[in-house]
Amino acid sequence: MRYTHFFRLRHVLPMFILCIAMSQSAYAQTSITDCGTSANGLQSVANGLAGSYLMANDIDCTGVGAFPISGTFSGTFDGGGFVITGLQINNGTTADTGLFSVVSGTVQNVGLVEVEVTGGNDTGALVGRVTAGGTISKVWASGTVTSATGTNVGGILGSAIGTATLS
């Protein structure tokens, strides 16, 4: 009887390992290397709002338009301790303005230098609004953040709703 169980386990184990390998590949991180719209560009994050991203180097966004990353970002963005420089966003009176419009996922380990962000309600340099379950951790910013409407404006984020985590 013991030999029979070993035989069955021997056939089940490779399938188990295959399933683990497949599930890990589904969560592969995309390396962010520039400010553009290429597969590795910062602006391409908008095409995969539930993805996992890791900055590979400092990124200069001076003179680049087409921000913010619109929609609700539910994935993970890890800046790796690198910096984004020269981010300029002018959304007039549009609410939820920042590099990320709305975050319900995780944004961490990133700095913003020389930002100029203008928006409506819920405006911040990094995130316009963090919703329940969202986490913002180990981030910093320098520059100017303004709002035409003057409600919920901050240097890092405009507002946090529910059980968002800020550290």
Foldseek 3Di string as FASTA:
>chain_A
DVVVVVVVCVVVVVVVVVVVVVVVVVQDEAEAEECDCPSNHLLVCLVPLAHHYEYPAAYECAPPDDDASDDERAHEYADVLHEYEHAEEAAAAAAQEENYSEYLHEYENYEYEAYHEEYHAQYEHHTSEYEPNYEYYHYYYDHDYYYPHPHQYDHHIRYYYDHYHYD
